[in-house]
Protein backbone atom coordinates (compact mmCIF):
# COMPACT_ATOMS: atom_id res chain seq x y z
CA UNK A 1 -149.55 -15.26 170.85
CA UNK A 2 -149.91 -13.03 168.23
CA UNK A 3 -147.90 -14.20 165.08
CA UNK A 4 -145.06 -11.05 164.06
CA UNK A 5 -146.34 -10.58 160.59
CA UNK A 6 -142.66 -9.61 159.38
CA UNK A 7 -140.98 -12.49 158.93
CA UNK A 8 -141.02 -13.82 155.60
CA UNK A 9 -141.50 -17.63 155.21
CA UNK A 10 -144.28 -19.39 157.61
CA UNK A 11 -144.07 -23.63 157.68
CA UNK A 12 -147.31 -24.59 157.51
CA UNK A 13 -147.87 -28.38 159.03
CA UNK A 14 -151.53 -29.82 159.38
CA UNK A 15 -151.53 -32.48 161.93
CA UNK A 16 -153.88 -35.28 162.62
CA UNK A 17 -153.00 -38.60 164.51
CA UNK A 18 -149.38 -38.12 163.60
CA UNK A 19 -147.55 -38.80 166.87
CA UNK A 20 -144.90 -41.63 165.42
CA UNK A 21 -144.04 -39.05 163.09
CA UNK A 22 -144.89 -35.44 164.27
CA UNK A 23 -141.94 -34.96 166.01
CA UNK A 24 -139.31 -35.65 162.92
CA UNK A 25 -141.31 -33.00 160.96
CA UNK A 26 -140.68 -30.44 164.02
CA UNK A 27 -137.35 -30.81 164.47
CA UNK A 28 -136.67 -30.24 160.40
CA UNK A 29 -138.70 -27.53 160.02
CA UNK A 30 -137.32 -25.84 163.46
CA UNK A 31 -133.47 -26.66 161.73
CA UNK A 32 -134.26 -24.48 158.78
CA UNK A 33 -131.47 -21.78 158.32
CA UNK A 34 -132.83 -18.28 156.76
CA UNK A 35 -131.72 -15.06 156.76
CA UNK A 36 -134.72 -13.57 157.33
CA UNK A 37 -137.35 -14.46 159.75
CA UNK A 38 -139.75 -17.76 159.37
CA UNK A 39 -142.81 -18.58 161.61
CA UNK A 40 -144.04 -22.15 162.28
CA UNK A 41 -148.23 -22.89 162.44
CA UNK A 42 -148.75 -25.94 163.79
CA UNK A 43 -153.17 -26.94 163.52
CA UNK A 44 -153.77 -29.51 165.04
CA UNK A 45 -157.36 -31.30 163.96
CA UNK A 46 -158.44 -33.41 166.88
CA UNK A 47 -155.93 -35.93 167.27
CA UNK A 48 -156.60 -38.74 169.99
CA UNK A 49 -153.00 -39.74 169.98
CA UNK A 50 -150.32 -38.43 171.57
CA UNK A 51 -150.23 -35.65 168.92
CA UNK A 52 -150.88 -32.55 171.08
CA UNK A 53 -148.33 -33.62 174.17
CA UNK A 54 -145.73 -33.67 171.42
CA UNK A 55 -146.50 -30.54 169.81
CA UNK A 56 -146.75 -28.23 172.55
CA UNK A 57 -143.50 -29.70 173.89
CA UNK A 58 -141.82 -28.15 170.26
CA UNK A 59 -144.06 -25.10 171.39
CA UNK A 60 -142.97 -24.87 174.99
CA UNK A 61 -138.85 -25.07 173.60
CA UNK A 62 -139.72 -22.44 170.67
CA UNK A 63 -141.74 -20.22 172.02
CA UNK A 64 -141.41 -17.01 169.62
CA UNK A 65 -140.98 -19.55 167.11
CA UNK A 66 -143.64 -21.77 166.88
CA UNK A 67 -147.85 -21.39 167.36
CA UNK A 68 -150.83 -24.45 167.82
CA UNK A 69 -154.09 -23.94 167.28
CA UNK A 70 -155.93 -27.27 168.64
CA UNK A 71 -159.14 -27.33 166.91
CA UNK A 72 -162.66 -27.92 168.49
CA UNK A 73 -163.78 -30.23 166.06
CA UNK A 74 -163.13 -32.17 163.42
CA UNK A 75 -162.35 -29.97 160.36
CA UNK A 76 -160.84 -32.53 157.41
CA UNK A 77 -158.57 -32.38 154.79
CA UNK A 78 -159.90 -29.94 152.91
CA UNK A 79 -160.97 -27.88 155.88
CA UNK A 80 -158.46 -27.74 157.88
CA UNK A 81 -155.99 -26.85 154.78
CA UNK A 82 -157.92 -23.17 154.39
CA UNK A 83 -157.30 -23.00 157.99
CA UNK A 84 -153.69 -22.69 158.31
CA UNK A 85 -153.99 -21.67 155.05
CA UNK A 86 -155.39 -17.96 156.15
CA UNK A 87 -153.79 -18.42 159.41
CA UNK A 88 -150.36 -18.14 157.82
CA UNK A 89 -148.42 -14.85 157.58
CA UNK A 90 -146.07 -12.91 155.40
CA UNK A 91 -144.44 -13.10 151.64
CA UNK A 92 -144.16 -17.29 151.41
CA UNK A 93 -145.60 -20.11 152.81
CA UNK A 94 -143.92 -23.19 153.31
CA UNK A 95 -145.78 -26.79 153.18
CA UNK A 96 -144.96 -30.25 155.86
CA UNK A 97 -146.91 -32.59 155.99
CA UNK A 98 -146.89 -34.02 159.69
CA UNK A 99 -145.96 -37.14 158.89
CA UNK A 100 -142.62 -36.18 155.86
CA UNK A 101 -139.63 -34.35 156.84
CA UNK A 102 -137.38 -31.99 155.41
CA UNK A 103 -133.70 -33.16 154.79
CA UNK A 104 -132.16 -29.88 153.79
CA UNK A 105 -131.85 -27.16 156.48
CA UNK A 106 -131.48 -24.26 153.51
CA UNK A 107 -134.54 -25.75 151.87
CA UNK A 108 -136.58 -22.72 152.36
CA UNK A 109 -133.68 -19.69 151.73
CA UNK A 110 -132.71 -22.34 148.35
CA UNK A 111 -136.62 -21.30 147.16
CA UNK A 112 -136.95 -18.06 148.72
CA UNK A 113 -133.70 -17.17 146.71
CA UNK A 114 -135.23 -18.43 143.17
CA UNK A 115 -138.84 -17.25 143.67
CA UNK A 116 -137.95 -13.64 145.03
CA UNK A 117 -135.74 -13.08 141.36
CA UNK A 118 -138.49 -13.80 139.41
CA UNK A 119 -142.21 -12.37 139.92
CA UNK A 120 -143.82 -14.36 137.45
CA UNK A 121 -142.83 -17.47 139.98
CA UNK A 122 -145.38 -18.21 141.96
CA UNK A 123 -144.77 -21.49 143.56
CA UNK A 124 -141.95 -23.70 143.96
CA UNK A 125 -141.60 -27.11 144.41
CA UNK A 126 -138.14 -29.98 144.64
CA UNK A 127 -137.36 -33.42 144.38
CA UNK A 128 -137.52 -35.76 147.78
CA UNK A 129 -136.82 -38.96 148.44
CA UNK A 130 -139.48 -41.40 149.27
CA UNK A 131 -139.94 -44.19 152.07
CA UNK A 132 -142.34 -47.17 152.38
CA UNK A 133 -143.35 -49.01 155.72
CA UNK A 134 -140.54 -51.15 155.29
CA UNK A 135 -137.80 -48.42 155.35
CA UNK A 136 -136.74 -48.71 151.75
CA UNK A 137 -135.88 -45.19 149.81
CA UNK A 138 -136.50 -44.52 146.10
CA UNK A 139 -135.52 -41.26 144.76
CA UNK A 140 -137.92 -39.62 141.80
CA UNK A 141 -136.31 -39.88 138.83
CA UNK A 142 -138.20 -38.18 135.84
CA UNK A 143 -137.49 -34.33 136.15
CA UNK A 144 -140.76 -32.48 136.02
CA UNK A 145 -141.26 -29.30 133.86
CA UNK A 146 -141.40 -25.76 135.29
CA UNK A 147 -142.89 -22.97 133.57
CA UNK A 148 -146.64 -22.78 132.73
CA UNK A 149 -147.19 -26.16 133.31
CA UNK A 150 -150.77 -26.55 133.54
CA UNK A 151 -151.14 -28.93 130.48
CA UNK A 152 -148.59 -31.21 131.83
CA UNK A 153 -150.14 -30.60 135.59
CA UNK A 154 -153.51 -31.22 134.21
CA UNK A 155 -152.74 -34.80 133.22
CA UNK A 156 -150.54 -35.99 136.14
CA UNK A 157 -150.20 -34.08 139.43
CA UNK A 158 -145.79 -34.43 140.04
CA UNK A 159 -146.37 -31.97 142.98
CA UNK A 160 -145.41 -33.24 146.10
CA UNK A 161 -147.66 -31.34 149.03
CA UNK A 162 -144.53 -31.19 151.54
CA UNK A 163 -142.01 -29.44 148.58
CA UNK A 164 -143.99 -26.47 148.04
CA UNK A 165 -143.35 -23.33 148.75
CA UNK A 166 -145.50 -20.33 147.37
CA UNK A 167 -146.32 -16.52 147.63
CA UNK A 168 -148.85 -16.01 150.10
CA UNK A 169 -150.96 -13.48 148.07
CA UNK A 170 -151.51 -15.94 145.55
CA UNK A 171 -152.04 -19.15 148.07
CA UNK A 172 -155.20 -17.06 149.50
CA UNK A 173 -156.74 -15.77 146.44
CA UNK A 174 -156.05 -19.26 145.07
CA UNK A 175 -158.08 -20.39 148.50
CA UNK A 176 -160.98 -18.03 147.73
CA UNK A 177 -161.57 -18.77 143.83
CA UNK A 178 -162.13 -22.82 145.33
CA UNK A 179 -163.94 -21.98 147.82
CA UNK A 180 -166.69 -20.71 145.32
CA UNK A 181 -166.18 -24.19 143.62
CA UNK A 182 -167.11 -27.79 144.30
CA UNK A 183 -163.84 -27.88 146.12
CA UNK A 184 -165.39 -30.77 148.24
CA UNK A 185 -166.00 -32.54 145.45
CA UNK A 186 -161.81 -32.42 143.92
CA UNK A 187 -160.83 -34.88 147.57
CA UNK A 188 -157.74 -33.49 147.59
CA UNK A 189 -157.02 -30.35 148.93
CA UNK A 190 -153.88 -29.21 147.34
CA UNK A 191 -154.41 -30.57 143.75
CA UNK A 192 -156.76 -28.15 142.73
CA UNK A 193 -154.45 -25.22 144.34
CA UNK A 194 -151.32 -25.84 142.00
CA UNK A 195 -154.13 -26.43 139.37
CA UNK A 196 -155.31 -23.35 139.59
CA UNK A 197 -151.87 -21.21 140.30
CA UNK A 198 -150.89 -22.93 137.19
CA UNK A 199 -153.51 -21.12 135.07
CA UNK A 200 -152.38 -17.90 136.11
CA UNK A 201 -148.51 -17.77 136.84
CA UNK A 202 -145.26 -20.29 136.42
CA UNK A 203 -144.29 -23.34 138.84
CA UNK A 204 -141.00 -24.22 138.96
CA UNK A 205 -139.03 -27.30 140.37
CA UNK A 206 -135.96 -27.72 141.95
CA UNK A 207 -133.66 -30.61 141.23
CA UNK A 208 -132.93 -30.66 145.36
CA UNK A 209 -134.02 -33.36 147.76
CA UNK A 210 -134.94 -31.24 150.25
CA UNK A 211 -137.51 -33.49 152.30
CA UNK A 212 -138.72 -37.35 152.58
CA UNK A 213 -141.88 -38.14 152.09
CA UNK A 214 -143.36 -41.15 153.79
CA UNK A 215 -145.32 -44.12 151.60
CA UNK A 216 -147.77 -45.17 153.76
CA UNK A 217 -149.97 -47.75 153.42
CA UNK A 218 -152.45 -46.66 155.71
CA UNK A 219 -152.71 -43.14 154.24
CA UNK A 220 -155.60 -42.37 151.60
CA UNK A 221 -153.69 -42.02 149.04
CA UNK A 222 -152.06 -45.51 148.84
CA UNK A 223 -154.75 -46.86 150.43
CA UNK A 224 -155.49 -50.59 149.54
CA UNK A 225 -159.20 -50.64 150.17
CA UNK A 226 -160.94 -50.92 146.65
CA UNK A 227 -164.09 -48.27 147.45
CA UNK A 228 -161.92 -45.48 148.49
CA UNK A 229 -159.07 -46.39 145.74
CA UNK A 230 -162.06 -46.02 143.78
CA UNK A 231 -163.16 -42.46 144.89
CA UNK A 232 -159.56 -41.14 144.92
CA UNK A 233 -159.40 -42.28 141.00
CA UNK A 234 -162.72 -40.63 140.24
CA UNK A 235 -162.48 -37.12 142.44
CA UNK A 236 -158.88 -36.64 140.60
CA UNK A 237 -160.81 -37.43 137.26
CA UNK A 238 -163.52 -35.47 138.41
CA UNK A 239 -161.29 -32.44 139.63
CA UNK A 240 -159.30 -32.85 135.59
CA UNK A 241 -162.66 -32.71 133.40
CA UNK A 242 -164.00 -29.81 135.67
CA UNK A 243 -160.79 -27.83 135.56
CA UNK A 244 -160.85 -28.80 131.71
CA UNK A 245 -164.70 -27.53 131.09
CA UNK A 246 -164.74 -24.51 133.54
CA UNK A 247 -161.57 -22.92 133.80
CA UNK A 248 -159.24 -23.74 130.54
CA UNK A 249 -159.85 -26.38 128.04
CA UNK A 250 -156.55 -28.13 126.78
CA UNK A 251 -156.69 -30.09 123.60
CA UNK A 252 -158.21 -33.13 122.67
CA UNK A 253 -154.95 -34.66 122.41
CA UNK A 254 -154.50 -34.16 126.32
CA UNK A 255 -158.37 -34.72 126.57
CA UNK A 256 -158.35 -38.58 125.31
CA UNK A 257 -155.15 -38.65 127.34
CA UNK A 258 -157.04 -38.02 130.53
CA UNK A 259 -159.76 -40.45 129.43
CA UNK A 260 -157.24 -43.02 128.74
CA UNK A 261 -155.09 -43.18 131.82
CA UNK A 262 -158.58 -42.86 133.99
CA UNK A 263 -159.85 -45.94 132.75
CA UNK A 264 -156.29 -47.37 132.83
CA UNK A 265 -156.60 -47.17 136.28
CA UNK A 266 -160.28 -48.27 137.12
CA UNK A 267 -159.09 -51.16 134.94
CA UNK A 268 -155.64 -51.75 137.33
CA UNK A 269 -158.43 -51.58 140.49
CA UNK A 270 -160.49 -53.79 139.18
CA UNK A 271 -158.34 -56.65 138.35
CA UNK A 272 -156.74 -56.20 141.27
CA UNK A 273 -159.58 -56.68 144.05
CA UNK A 274 -161.06 -59.52 141.35
CA UNK A 275 -164.21 -57.20 140.55
CA UNK A 276 -165.09 -58.55 137.11
CA UNK A 277 -168.17 -56.95 136.27
CA UNK A 278 -167.24 -53.82 134.55
CA UNK A 279 -164.39 -55.26 133.26
CA UNK A 280 -164.93 -55.09 129.36
CA UNK A 281 -166.95 -51.84 130.08
CA UNK A 282 -163.76 -50.39 131.23
CA UNK A 283 -161.78 -51.99 128.95
CA UNK A 284 -163.27 -50.86 125.95
CA UNK A 285 -163.18 -47.28 127.19
CA UNK A 286 -159.84 -47.62 127.11
CA UNK A 287 -159.49 -48.79 124.19
CA UNK A 288 -161.54 -46.32 122.97
CA UNK A 289 -159.70 -43.24 124.51
CA UNK A 290 -155.85 -44.62 123.95
CA UNK A 291 -154.33 -42.94 120.72
CA UNK A 292 -151.27 -44.64 121.33
CA UNK A 293 -150.69 -47.93 119.78
CA UNK A 294 -147.08 -48.70 122.19
CA UNK A 295 -149.52 -47.28 124.68
CA UNK A 296 -152.11 -49.69 124.40
CA UNK A 297 -150.40 -53.11 124.00
CA UNK A 298 -148.07 -52.56 126.81
CA UNK A 299 -151.39 -51.91 128.75
CA UNK A 300 -152.99 -54.81 127.86
CA UNK A 301 -150.23 -56.96 128.03
CA UNK A 302 -149.82 -55.68 131.95
CA UNK A 303 -153.85 -55.34 132.37
CA UNK A 304 -154.44 -59.26 131.68
CA UNK A 305 -150.85 -60.13 133.24
CA UNK A 306 -152.44 -59.50 136.17
CA UNK A 307 -155.43 -61.00 135.52
CA UNK A 308 -153.98 -64.16 134.75
CA UNK A 309 -152.58 -63.61 138.39
CA UNK A 310 -155.71 -63.25 139.75
CA UNK A 311 -157.36 -66.26 138.09
CA UNK A 312 -154.79 -68.60 138.55
């Protein structure tokens, strides 16, 4: 089916083996109340569970609203994200991961109202609830900054993907820029996009809970696997340093904080997994780059408490 290019918002949903959750995501997407036109694109990356049947069932129910694509070979996280972003049409793109779901039927309306009134804003994200495997909800407490947030964002990725609405022309331009860089080494599909966007335009935060993020122990970002956790931490650090060295520099204070946070994360992973070979080397590096005595003492206490629990 040809997609109507006159609609304003394109909701992009990528899926891989999320049959347990995708129906809830789709239901929340089709329930959006918007005073313009919106469309939903779903790209399934060769799922081998029941995802295809669920997706096709929703497309049959809403043939004018949903367009589906089923990859003939597995593209992986980054390439599938690139594909769906380039397939999108319209003025704005909203992302929804297939294991998350929106709780506010006016989510995209609120975000469009905000972004269309200020041309300097390129992306709007929102507050959300988090649910873990035990069905325990937690609310995002700290309020992230709005505006030109590159210096904040390079320290901490405070943007949750399924809350994002972005100008499509900015998204496509950003992807084209990233494709010329070492995107595959960044590991993430979303964080490099947000960083690149924050270099050029404002990013605004809407402090309203609009979605539920599933914190699944089986997901890559919350894995308990030592090698994968190490890869994620290393990749995040590489992404930040790459942006600092090649895209936009930051102060030495921010650089030291990035390095301090990195070595602290490595210490926690090493201690939790009883991998003590590099413990003192990492401890020295953490001490070297930490400029806050209060943070240093608190971190040492937490690290040695973890170490004590592992040993005794």
